[in-house]
Amino acid sequence: MDAIIQVTTTGDDRNMMEKIGRIIVEQRLASCAQISGPFKSIYWWKGNIEETEEWSCILKSTKAHYEEIQNKIKELHSYDVPEIISVEINRTLPDYEQWVREETANH
């Protein structure tokens, strides 16, 4: 059976994170999107250390939808190289797993 995944992306604009989450959920690529922030990110970019206030969007889906989610985030994101990380969920409440599968099965 296809694994449940959690996909995370971050960005410096809350509205952009909400738009990404809403579109991906509306397209049934994910069962839900959770937006949180702001938080401070400190990172290397083009030879310099940068500091940015960012927001995160965490999406719940199945492994089969990862490529489409990745492509949609890249299409909608303002960053040249957006953070897009997928983590496979090893265990979850069976009813929650069923809900994620049902909500993304119609795509």
PDB file of N, CA and C in Angstrom:
ATOM      1  N   MET A   1       0.837  -1.178   0.000  1.00  0.00           N
ATOM      2  CA  MET A   1       0.000   0.000   0.000  1.00  0.00           C
ATOM      3  C   MET A   1       0.887   1.247   0.000  1.00  0.00           C
ATOM      4  N   ASP A   2       0.455   2.262  -0.704  1.00  0.00           N
ATOM      5  CA  ASP A   2       1.187   3.514  -0.832  1.00  0.00           C
ATOM      6  C   ASP A   2       1.340   4.209   0.520  1.00  0.00           C
ATOM      7  N   ALA A   3       2.535   4.701   0.818  1.00  0.00           N
ATOM      8  CA  ALA A   3       2.824   5.315   2.107  1.00  0.00           C
ATOM      9  C   ALA A   3       2.146   6.677   2.261  1.00  0.00           C
ATOM     10  N   ILE A   4       1.801   6.996   3.497  1.00  0.00           N
ATOM     11  CA  ILE A   4       1.335   8.337   3.850  1.00  0.00           C
ATOM     12  C   ILE A   4       2.586   9.205   3.991  1.00  0.00           C
ATOM     13  N   ILE A   5       2.522  10.433   3.461  1.00  0.00           N
ATOM     14  CA  ILE A   5       3.657  11.346   3.555  1.00  0.00           C
ATOM     15  C   ILE A   5       3.218  12.689   4.116  1.00  0.00           C
ATOM     16  N   GLN A   6       4.209  13.411   4.600  1.00  0.00           N
ATOM     17  CA  GLN A   6       4.026  14.788   5.030  1.00  0.00           C
ATOM     18  C   GLN A   6       5.016  15.610   4.205  1.00  0.00           C
ATOM     19  N   VAL A   7       4.507  16.567   3.438  1.00  0.00           N
ATOM     20  CA  VAL A   7       5.346  17.410   2.595  1.00  0.00           C
ATOM     21  C   VAL A   7       5.374  18.800   3.210  1.00  0.00           C
ATOM     22  N   THR A   8       6.576  19.354   3.381  1.00  0.00           N
ATOM     23  CA  THR A   8       6.743  20.672   3.967  1.00  0.00           C
ATOM     24  C   THR A   8       7.401  21.603   2.962  1.00  0.00           C
ATOM     25  N   THR A   9       6.876  22.824   2.890  1.00  0.00           N
ATOM     26  CA  THR A   9       7.524  23.896   2.155  1.00  0.00           C
ATOM     27  C   THR A   9       7.472  25.145   3.022  1.00  0.00           C
ATOM     28  N   THR A  10       8.404  26.055   2.793  1.00  0.00           N
ATOM     29  CA  THR A  10       8.442  27.304   3.546  1.00  0.00           C
ATOM     30  C   THR A  10       8.550  28.469   2.589  1.00  0.00           C
ATOM     31  N   GLY A  11       8.108  29.641   3.050  1.00  0.00           N
ATOM     32  CA  GLY A  11       8.219  30.844   2.243  1.00  0.00           C
ATOM     33  C   GLY A  11       8.055  32.081   3.089  1.00  0.00           C
ATOM     34  N   ASP A  12       8.431  33.213   2.520  1.00  0.00           N
ATOM     35  CA  ASP A  12       8.430  34.459   3.272  1.00  0.00           C
ATOM     36  C   ASP A  12       7.124  35.241   3.185  1.00  0.00           C
ATOM     37  N   ASP A  13       6.081  34.609   2.667  1.00  0.00           N
ATOM     38  CA  ASP A  13       4.797  35.287   2.510  1.00  0.00           C
ATOM     39  C   ASP A  13       3.662  34.355   2.947  1.00  0.00           C
ATOM     40  N   ARG A  14       2.954  34.752   3.994  1.00  0.00           N
ATOM     41  CA  ARG A  14       1.853  33.914   4.510  1.00  0.00           C
ATOM     42  C   ARG A  14       0.808  33.663   3.440  1.00  0.00           C
ATOM     43  N   ASN A  15       0.454  34.691   2.680  1.00  0.00           N
ATOM     44  CA  ASN A  15      -0.571  34.527   1.642  1.00  0.00           C
ATOM     45  C   ASN A  15      -0.147  33.498   0.599  1.00  0.00           C
ATOM     46  N   MET A  16       1.140  33.484   0.238  1.00  0.00           N
ATOM     47  CA  MET A  16       1.629  32.503  -0.725  1.00  0.00           C
ATOM     48  C   MET A  16       1.506  31.089  -0.154  1.00  0.00           C
ATOM     49  N   MET A  17       1.856  30.908   1.125  1.00  0.00           N
ATOM     50  CA  MET A  17       1.747  29.587   1.736  1.00  0.00           C
ATOM     51  C   MET A  17       0.288  29.141   1.780  1.00  0.00           C
ATOM     52  N   GLU A  18      -0.621  30.064   2.104  1.00  0.00           N
ATOM     53  CA  GLU A  18      -2.042  29.724   2.130  1.00  0.00           C
ATOM     54  C   GLU A  18      -2.548  29.376   0.728  1.00  0.00           C
ATOM     55  N   LYS A  19      -2.098  30.120  -0.277  1.00  0.00           N
ATOM     56  CA  LYS A  19      -2.507  29.835  -1.656  1.00  0.00           C
ATOM     57  C   LYS A  19      -2.021  28.458  -2.085  1.00  0.00           C
ATOM     58  N   ILE A  20      -0.754  28.151  -1.803  1.00  0.00           N
ATOM     59  CA  ILE A  20      -0.204  26.835  -2.151  1.00  0.00           C
ATOM     60  C   ILE A  20      -1.011  25.739  -1.463  1.00  0.00           C
ATOM     61  N   GLY A  21      -1.247  25.880  -0.164  1.00  0.00           N
ATOM     62  CA  GLY A  21      -2.014  24.876   0.571  1.00  0.00           C
ATOM     63  C   GLY A  21      -3.419  24.700   0.036  1.00  0.00           C
ATOM     64  N   ARG A  22      -4.106  25.816  -0.199  1.00  0.00           N
ATOM     65  CA  ARG A  22      -5.489  25.745  -0.677  1.00  0.00           C
ATOM     66  C   ARG A  22      -5.575  25.070  -2.040  1.00  0.00           C
ATOM     67  N   ILE A  23      -4.727  25.452  -2.968  1.00  0.00           N
ATOM     68  CA  ILE A  23      -4.783  24.870  -4.313  1.00  0.00           C
ATOM     69  C   ILE A  23      -4.485  23.379  -4.275  1.00  0.00           C
ATOM     70  N   ILE A  24      -3.478  22.978  -3.525  1.00  0.00           N
ATOM     71  CA  ILE A  24      -3.128  21.561  -3.463  1.00  0.00           C
ATOM     72  C   ILE A  24      -4.243  20.740  -2.822  1.00  0.00           C
ATOM     73  N   VAL A  25      -4.887  21.280  -1.790  1.00  0.00           N
ATOM     74  CA  VAL A  25      -6.015  20.572  -1.171  1.00  0.00           C
ATOM     75  C   VAL A  25      -7.215  20.564  -2.126  1.00  0.00           C
ATOM     76  N   GLU A  26      -7.513  21.697  -2.763  1.00  0.00           N
ATOM     77  CA  GLU A  26      -8.635  21.746  -3.712  1.00  0.00           C
ATOM     78  C   GLU A  26      -8.459  20.739  -4.843  1.00  0.00           C
ATOM     79  N   GLN A  27      -7.227  20.521  -5.270  1.00  0.00           N
ATOM     80  CA  GLN A  27      -6.956  19.572  -6.355  1.00  0.00           C
ATOM     81  C   GLN A  27      -6.866  18.125  -5.856  1.00  0.00           C
ATOM     82  N   ARG A  28      -7.118  17.935  -4.569  1.00  0.00           N
ATOM     83  CA  ARG A  28      -7.118  16.612  -3.932  1.00  0.00           C
ATOM     84  C   ARG A  28      -5.765  15.910  -4.005  1.00  0.00           C
ATOM     85  N   LEU A  29      -4.706  16.713  -4.079  1.00  0.00           N
ATOM     86  CA  LEU A  29      -3.364  16.144  -4.003  1.00  0.00           C
ATOM     87  C   LEU A  29      -2.975  15.903  -2.550  1.00  0.00           C
ATOM     88  N   ALA A  30      -3.626  16.616  -1.639  1.00  0.00           N
ATOM     89  CA  ALA A  30      -3.400  16.456  -0.194  1.00  0.00           C
ATOM     90  C   ALA A  30      -4.738  16.522   0.514  1.00  0.00           C
ATOM     91  N   SER A  31      -4.813  15.870   1.667  1.00  0.00           N
ATOM     92  CA  SER A  31      -6.056  15.881   2.447  1.00  0.00           C
ATOM     93  C   SER A  31      -6.185  17.142   3.281  1.00  0.00           C
ATOM     94  N   CYS A  32      -5.047  17.757   3.640  1.00  0.00           N
ATOM     95  CA  CYS A  32      -5.084  18.991   4.414  1.00  0.00           C
ATOM     96  C   CYS A  32      -3.765  19.729   4.276  1.00  0.00           C
ATOM     97  N   ALA A  33      -3.831  21.008   4.606  1.00  0.00           N
ATOM     98  CA  ALA A  33      -2.634  21.849   4.643  1.00  0.00           C
ATOM     99  C   ALA A  33      -2.662  22.615   5.950  1.00  0.00           C
ATOM    100  N   GLN A  34      -1.546  22.638   6.640  1.00  0.00           N
ATOM    101  CA  GLN A  34      -1.432  23.395   7.884  1.00  0.00           C
ATOM    102  C   GLN A  34      -0.393  24.483   7.684  1.00  0.00           C
ATOM    103  N   ILE A  35      -0.790  25.730   7.945  1.00  0.00           N
ATOM    104  CA  ILE A  35       0.086  26.879   7.800  1.00  0.00           C
ATOM    105  C   ILE A  35       0.483  27.351   9.199  1.00  0.00           C
ATOM    106  N   SER A  36       1.784  27.551   9.402  1.00  0.00           N
ATOM    107  CA  SER A  36       2.226  28.055  10.705  1.00  0.00           C
ATOM    108  C   SER A  36       3.351  29.058  10.509  1.00  0.00           C
ATOM    109  N   GLY A  37       3.534  29.864  11.526  1.00  0.00           N
ATOM    110  CA  GLY A  37       4.573  30.879  11.494  1.00  0.00           C
ATOM    111  C   GLY A  37       4.037  32.147  12.119  1.00  0.00           C
ATOM    112  N   PRO A  38       4.794  33.184  12.101  1.00  0.00           N
ATOM    113  CA  PRO A  38       6.103  33.258  11.472  1.00  0.00           C
ATOM    114  C   PRO A  38       7.193  32.704  12.377  1.00  0.00           C
ATOM    115  N   PHE A  39       8.300  32.337  11.746  1.00  0.00           N
ATOM    116  CA  PHE A  39       9.494  31.903  12.453  1.00  0.00           C
ATOM    117  C   PHE A  39      10.692  32.449  11.693  1.00  0.00           C
ATOM    118  N   LYS A  40      11.822  32.500  12.344  1.00  0.00           N
ATOM    119  CA  LYS A  40      13.031  33.027  11.715  1.00  0.00           C
ATOM    120  C   LYS A  40      13.835  31.884  11.123  1.00  0.00           C
ATOM    121  N   SER A  41      14.241  32.061   9.865  1.00  0.00           N
ATOM    122  CA  SER A  41      15.142  31.118   9.202  1.00  0.00           C
ATOM    123  C   SER A  41      16.481  31.806   8.977  1.00  0.00           C
ATOM    124  N   ILE A  42      17.548  31.091   9.280  1.00  0.00           N
ATOM    125  CA  ILE A  42      18.912  31.562   9.047  1.00  0.00           C
ATOM    126  C   ILE A  42      19.557  30.522   8.145  1.00  0.00           C
ATOM    127  N   TYR A  43      20.068  30.967   6.985  1.00  0.00           N
ATOM    128  CA  TYR A  43      20.528  30.015   5.986  1.00  0.00           C
ATOM    129  C   TYR A  43      21.557  30.650   5.047  1.00  0.00           C
ATOM    130  N   TRP A  44      22.314  29.787   4.381  1.00  0.00           N
ATOM    131  CA  TRP A  44      23.234  30.228   3.343  1.00  0.00           C
ATOM    132  C   TRP A  44      22.481  30.411   2.037  1.00  0.00           C
ATOM    133  N   TRP A  45      22.725  31.508   1.335  1.00  0.00           N
ATOM    134  CA  TRP A  45      22.172  31.716  -0.006  1.00  0.00           C
ATOM    135  C   TRP A  45      23.153  32.561  -0.800  1.00  0.00           C
ATOM    136  N   LYS A  46      23.679  31.983  -1.874  1.00  0.00           N
ATOM    137  CA  LYS A  46      24.603  32.656  -2.789  1.00  0.00           C
ATOM    138  C   LYS A  46      25.795  33.270  -2.059  1.00  0.00           C
ATOM    139  N   GLY A  47      26.380  32.475  -1.152  1.00  0.00           N
ATOM    140  CA  GLY A  47      27.599  32.874  -0.480  1.00  0.00           C
ATOM    141  C   GLY A  47      27.427  33.750   0.746  1.00  0.00           C
ATOM    142  N   ASN A  48      26.204  34.060   1.117  1.00  0.00           N
ATOM    143  CA  ASN A  48      25.942  34.907   2.274  1.00  0.00           C
ATOM    144  C   ASN A  48      24.988  34.226   3.238  1.00  0.00           C
ATOM    145  N   ILE A  49      25.124  34.568   4.510  1.00  0.00           N
ATOM    146  CA  ILE A  49      24.142  34.106   5.491  1.00  0.00           C
ATOM    147  C   ILE A  49      22.971  35.087   5.469  1.00  0.00           C
ATOM    148  N   GLU A  50      21.788  34.559   5.285  1.00  0.00           N
ATOM    149  CA  GLU A  50      20.557  35.354   5.224  1.00  0.00           C
ATOM    150  C   GLU A  50      19.693  35.052   6.444  1.00  0.00           C
ATOM    151  N   GLU A  51      18.866  35.998   6.812  1.00  0.00           N
ATOM    152  CA  GLU A  51      17.859  35.818   7.864  1.00  0.00           C
ATOM    153  C   GLU A  51      16.531  36.300   7.306  1.00  0.00           C
ATOM    154  N   THR A  52      15.520  35.455   7.424  1.00  0.00           N
ATOM    155  CA  THR A  52      14.211  35.775   6.873  1.00  0.00           C
ATOM    156  C   THR A  52      13.122  35.309   7.819  1.00  0.00           C
ATOM    157  N   GLU A  53      12.059  36.076   7.911  1.00  0.00           N
ATOM    158  CA  GLU A  53      10.856  35.627   8.609  1.00  0.00           C
ATOM    159  C   GLU A  53      10.066  34.794   7.607  1.00  0.00           C
ATOM    160  N   GLU A  54       9.752  33.570   8.003  1.00  0.00           N
ATOM    161  CA  GLU A  54       9.078  32.658   7.081  1.00  0.00           C
ATOM    162  C   GLU A  54       7.856  32.005   7.719  1.00  0.00           C
ATOM    163  N   TRP A  55       7.079  31.379   6.852  1.00  0.00           N
ATOM    164  CA  TRP A  55       5.896  30.586   7.199  1.00  0.00           C
ATOM    165  C   TRP A  55       6.098  29.200   6.619  1.00  0.00           C
ATOM    166  N   SER A  56       5.454  28.200   7.201  1.00  0.00           N
ATOM    167  CA  SER A  56       5.537  26.850   6.638  1.00  0.00           C
ATOM    168  C   SER A  56       4.150  26.372   6.247  1.00  0.00           C
ATOM    169  N   CYS A  57       4.141  25.514   5.267  1.00  0.00           N
ATOM    170  CA  CYS A  57       2.919  24.822   4.830  1.00  0.00           C
ATOM    171  C   CYS A  57       3.238  23.342   4.878  1.00  0.00           C
ATOM    172  N   ILE A  58       2.490  22.613   5.701  1.00  0.00           N
ATOM    173  CA  ILE A  58       2.671  21.170   5.844  1.00  0.00           C
ATOM    174  C   ILE A  58       1.453  20.483   5.246  1.00  0.00           C
ATOM    175  N   LEU A  59       1.710  19.604   4.294  1.00  0.00           N
ATOM    176  CA  LEU A  59       0.649  18.919   3.547  1.00  0.00           C
ATOM    177  C   LEU A  59       0.655  17.433   3.882  1.00  0.00           C
ATOM    178  N   LYS A  60      -0.527  16.838   4.033  1.00  0.00           N
ATOM    179  CA  LYS A  60      -0.660  15.396   4.295  1.00  0.00           C
ATOM    180  C   LYS A  60      -1.186  14.740   3.021  1.00  0.00           C
ATOM    181  N   SER A  61      -0.515  13.688   2.574  1.00  0.00           N
ATOM    182  CA  SER A  61      -0.895  13.060   1.314  1.00  0.00           C
ATOM    183  C   SER A  61      -0.394  11.621   1.280  1.00  0.00           C
ATOM    184  N   THR A  62      -0.320  11.083   0.060  1.00  0.00           N
ATOM    185  CA  THR A  62       0.258   9.765  -0.165  1.00  0.00           C
ATOM    186  C   THR A  62       1.452   9.906  -1.101  1.00  0.00           C
ATOM    187  N   LYS A  63       2.332   8.940  -1.027  1.00  0.00           N
ATOM    188  CA  LYS A  63       3.564   8.977  -1.809  1.00  0.00           C
ATOM    189  C   LYS A  63       3.281   9.102  -3.316  1.00  0.00           C
ATOM    190  N   ALA A  64       2.193   8.534  -3.769  1.00  0.00           N
ATOM    191  CA  ALA A  64       1.846   8.587  -5.191  1.00  0.00           C
ATOM    192  C   ALA A  64       1.637  10.017  -5.688  1.00  0.00           C
ATOM    193  N   HIS A  65       1.289  10.922  -4.798  1.00  0.00           N
ATOM    194  CA  HIS A  65       1.021  12.310  -5.199  1.00  0.00           C
ATOM    195  C   HIS A  65       2.234  13.231  -5.066  1.00  0.00           C
ATOM    196  N   TYR A  66       3.369  12.706  -4.588  1.00  0.00           N
ATOM    197  CA  TYR A  66       4.504  13.586  -4.304  1.00  0.00           C
ATOM    198  C   TYR A  66       4.949  14.400  -5.518  1.00  0.00           C
ATOM    199  N   GLU A  67       5.153  13.784  -6.653  1.00  0.00           N
ATOM    200  CA  GLU A  67       5.664  14.506  -7.831  1.00  0.00           C
ATOM    201  C   GLU A  67       4.724  15.641  -8.233  1.00  0.00           C
ATOM    202  N   GLU A  68       3.424  15.382  -8.208  1.00  0.00           N
ATOM    203  CA  GLU A  68       2.457  16.434  -8.553  1.00  0.00           C
ATOM    204  C   GLU A  68       2.485  17.569  -7.533  1.00  0.00           C
ATOM    205  N   ILE A  69       2.605  17.219  -6.252  1.00  0.00           N
ATOM    206  CA  ILE A  69       2.701  18.244  -5.203  1.00  0.00           C
ATOM    207  C   ILE A  69       3.967  19.068  -5.403  1.00  0.00           C
ATOM    208  N   GLN A  70       5.085  18.396  -5.633  1.00  0.00           N
ATOM    209  CA  GLN A  70       6.346  19.097  -5.859  1.00  0.00           C
ATOM    210  C   GLN A  70       6.225  20.064  -7.037  1.00  0.00           C
ATOM    211  N   ASN A  71       5.673  19.592  -8.141  1.00  0.00           N
ATOM    212  CA  ASN A  71       5.530  20.439  -9.331  1.00  0.00           C
ATOM    213  C   ASN A  71       4.612  21.627  -9.076  1.00  0.00           C
ATOM    214  N   LYS A  72       3.533  21.408  -8.335  1.00  0.00           N
ATOM    215  CA  LYS A  72       2.594  22.487  -8.045  1.00  0.00           C
ATOM    216  C   LYS A  72       3.245  23.527  -7.136  1.00  0.00           C
ATOM    217  N   ILE A  73       4.001  23.086  -6.129  1.00  0.00           N
ATOM    218  CA  ILE A  73       4.699  24.038  -5.255  1.00  0.00           C
ATOM    219  C   ILE A  73       5.687  24.856  -6.079  1.00  0.00           C
ATOM    220  N   LYS A  74       6.482  24.202  -6.924  1.00  0.00           N
ATOM    221  CA  LYS A  74       7.455  24.924  -7.747  1.00  0.00           C
ATOM    222  C   LYS A  74       6.768  25.941  -8.653  1.00  0.00           C
ATOM    223  N   GLU A  75       5.610  25.588  -9.178  1.00  0.00           N
ATOM    224  CA  GLU A  75       4.852  26.488 -10.059  1.00  0.00           C
ATOM    225  C   GLU A  75       4.354  27.730  -9.314  1.00  0.00           C
ATOM    226  N   LEU A  76       3.918  27.553  -8.066  1.00  0.00           N
ATOM    227  CA  LEU A  76       3.284  28.630  -7.307  1.00  0.00           C
ATOM    228  C   LEU A  76       4.239  29.413  -6.405  1.00  0.00           C
ATOM    229  N   HIS A  77       5.418  28.876  -6.161  1.00  0.00           N
ATOM    230  CA  HIS A  77       6.341  29.446  -5.174  1.00  0.00           C
ATOM    231  C   HIS A  77       7.166  30.578  -5.778  1.00  0.00           C
ATOM    232  N   SER A  78       7.501  31.577  -4.968  1.00  0.00           N
ATOM    233  CA  SER A  78       8.301  32.707  -5.446  1.00  0.00           C
ATOM    234  C   SER A  78       9.806  32.471  -5.344  1.00  0.00           C
ATOM    235  N   TYR A  79      10.248  31.477  -4.577  1.00  0.00           N
ATOM    236  CA  TYR A  79      11.684  31.234  -4.401  1.00  0.00           C
ATOM    237  C   TYR A  79      12.274  30.540  -5.630  1.00  0.00           C
ATOM    238  N   ASP A  80      13.552  30.837  -5.910  1.00  0.00           N
ATOM    239  CA  ASP A  80      14.264  30.135  -6.977  1.00  0.00           C
ATOM    240  C   ASP A  80      14.413  28.655  -6.647  1.00  0.00           C
ATOM    241  N   VAL A  81      14.722  28.373  -5.372  1.00  0.00           N
ATOM    242  CA  VAL A  81      14.901  26.997  -4.904  1.00  0.00           C
ATOM    243  C   VAL A  81      14.091  26.830  -3.621  1.00  0.00           C
ATOM    244  N   PRO A  82      12.793  26.529  -3.750  1.00  0.00           N
ATOM    245  CA  PRO A  82      11.981  26.386  -2.543  1.00  0.00           C
ATOM    246  C   PRO A  82      12.318  25.100  -1.785  1.00  0.00           C
ATOM    247  N   GLU A  83      12.180  25.179  -0.470  1.00  0.00           N
ATOM    248  CA  GLU A  83      12.287  23.972   0.339  1.00  0.00           C
ATOM    249  C   GLU A  83      11.056  23.123   0.053  1.00  0.00           C
ATOM    250  N   ILE A  84      11.279  21.900  -0.374  1.00  0.00           N
ATOM    251  CA  ILE A  84      10.195  20.928  -0.565  1.00  0.00           C
ATOM    252  C   ILE A  84      10.732  19.617  -0.017  1.00  0.00           C
ATOM    253  N   ILE A  85      10.240  19.232   1.150  1.00  0.00           N
ATOM    254  CA  ILE A  85      10.729  18.040   1.840  1.00  0.00           C
ATOM    255  C   ILE A  85       9.559  17.091   2.083  1.00  0.00           C
ATOM    256  N   SER A  86       9.770  15.847   1.747  1.00  0.00           N
ATOM    257  CA  SER A  86       8.753  14.822   1.990  1.00  0.00           C
ATOM    258  C   SER A  86       9.287  13.832   3.012  1.00  0.00           C
ATOM    259  N   VAL A  87       8.465  13.541   4.007  1.00  0.00           N
ATOM    260  CA  VAL A  87       8.803  12.559   5.025  1.00  0.00           C
ATOM    261  C   VAL A  87       7.738  11.473   5.003  1.00  0.00           C
ATOM    262  N   GLU A  88       8.174  10.235   4.924  1.00  0.00           N
ATOM    263  CA  GLU A  88       7.248   9.109   4.948  1.00  0.00           C
ATOM    264  C   GLU A  88       6.837   8.846   6.394  1.00  0.00           C
ATOM    265  N   ILE A  89       5.549   8.688   6.617  1.00  0.00           N
ATOM    266  CA  ILE A  89       5.009   8.446   7.954  1.00  0.00           C
ATOM    267  C   ILE A  89       4.955   6.931   8.186  1.00  0.00           C
ATOM    268  N   ASN A  90       5.667   6.486   9.202  1.00  0.00           N
ATOM    269  CA  ASN A  90       5.717   5.050   9.480  1.00  0.00           C
ATOM    270  C   ASN A  90       4.490   4.532  10.208  1.00  0.00           C
ATOM    271  N   ARG A  91       3.955   5.342  11.113  1.00  0.00           N
ATOM    272  CA  ARG A  91       2.788   4.908  11.882  1.00  0.00           C
ATOM    273  C   ARG A  91       1.868   6.093  12.081  1.00  0.00           C
ATOM    274  N   THR A  92       0.579   5.808  12.061  1.00  0.00           N
ATOM    275  CA  THR A  92      -0.423   6.833  12.335  1.00  0.00           C
ATOM    276  C   THR A  92      -1.696   6.143  12.800  1.00  0.00           C
ATOM    277  N   LEU A  93      -2.574   6.901  13.358  1.00  0.00           N
ATOM    278  CA  LEU A  93      -3.882   6.372  13.736  1.00  0.00           C
ATOM    279  C   LEU A  93      -4.534   5.797  12.476  1.00  0.00           C
ATOM    280  N   PRO A  94      -4.969   4.536  12.484  1.00  0.00           N
ATOM    281  CA  PRO A  94      -5.556   3.936  11.287  1.00  0.00           C
ATOM    282  C   PRO A  94      -6.705   4.754  10.688  1.00  0.00           C
ATOM    283  N   ASP A  95      -7.551   5.325  11.529  1.00  0.00           N
ATOM    284  CA  ASP A  95      -8.653   6.145  11.014  1.00  0.00           C
ATOM    285  C   ASP A  95      -8.138   7.389  10.302  1.00  0.00           C
ATOM    286  N   TYR A  96      -7.039   7.974  10.802  1.00  0.00           N
ATOM    287  CA  TYR A  96      -6.444   9.153  10.152  1.00  0.00           C
ATOM    288  C   TYR A  96      -5.858   8.758   8.796  1.00  0.00           C
ATOM    289  N   GLU A  97      -5.156   7.643   8.758  1.00  0.00           N
ATOM    290  CA  GLU A  97      -4.588   7.147   7.502  1.00  0.00           C
ATOM    291  C   GLU A  97      -5.689   6.917   6.472  1.00  0.00           C
ATOM    292  N   GLN A  98      -6.782   6.319   6.894  1.00  0.00           N
ATOM    293  CA  GLN A  98      -7.907   6.071   5.990  1.00  0.00           C
ATOM    294  C   GLN A  98      -8.472   7.391   5.471  1.00  0.00           C
ATOM    295  N   TRP A  99      -8.590   8.382   6.331  1.00  0.00           N
ATOM    296  CA  TRP A  99      -9.101   9.700   5.932  1.00  0.00           C
ATOM    297  C   TRP A  99      -8.189  10.337   4.876  1.00  0.00           C
ATOM    298  N   VAL A 100      -6.862  10.293   5.100  1.00  0.00           N
ATOM    299  CA  VAL A 100      -5.926  10.857   4.116  1.00  0.00           C
ATOM    300  C   VAL A 100      -6.107  10.158   2.777  1.00  0.00           C
ATOM    301  N   ARG A 101      -6.190   8.844   2.795  1.00  0.00           N
ATOM    302  CA  ARG A 101      -6.353   8.077   1.549  1.00  0.00           C
ATOM    303  C   ARG A 101      -7.670   8.409   0.846  1.00  0.00           C
ATOM    304  N   GLU A 102      -8.756   8.479   1.603  1.00  0.00           N
ATOM    305  CA  GLU A 102     -10.058   8.767   1.004  1.00  0.00           C
ATOM    306  C   GLU A 102     -10.097  10.155   0.377  1.00  0.00           C
ATOM    307  N   GLU A 103      -9.519  11.131   1.048  1.00  0.00           N
ATOM    308  CA  GLU A 103      -9.578  12.513   0.557  1.00  0.00           C
ATOM    309  C   GLU A 103      -8.679  12.769  -0.641  1.00  0.00           C
ATOM    310  N   THR A 104      -7.695  11.900  -0.865  1.00  0.00           N
ATOM    311  CA  THR A 104      -6.806  12.088  -2.015  1.00  0.00           C
ATOM    312  C   THR A 104      -7.041  11.049  -3.109  1.00  0.00           C
ATOM    313  N   ALA A 105      -7.957  10.124  -2.875  1.00  0.00           N
ATOM    314  CA  ALA A 105      -8.179   9.019  -3.830  1.00  0.00           C
ATOM    315  C   ALA A 105      -8.884   9.466  -5.097  1.00  0.00           C
ATOM    316  N   ASN A 106      -9.635  10.535  -5.060  1.00  0.00           N
ATOM    317  CA  ASN A 106     -10.426  10.955  -6.200  1.00  0.00           C
ATOM    318  C   ASN A 106      -9.632  11.748  -7.227  1.00  0.00           C
ATOM    319  N   HIS A 107      -8.346  11.892  -7.010  1.00  0.00           N
ATOM    320  CA  HIS A 107      -7.530  12.650  -7.968  1.00  0.00           C
ATOM    321  C   HIS A 107      -6.985  11.710  -9.019  1.00  0.00           C
TER     322      HIS A 107
END
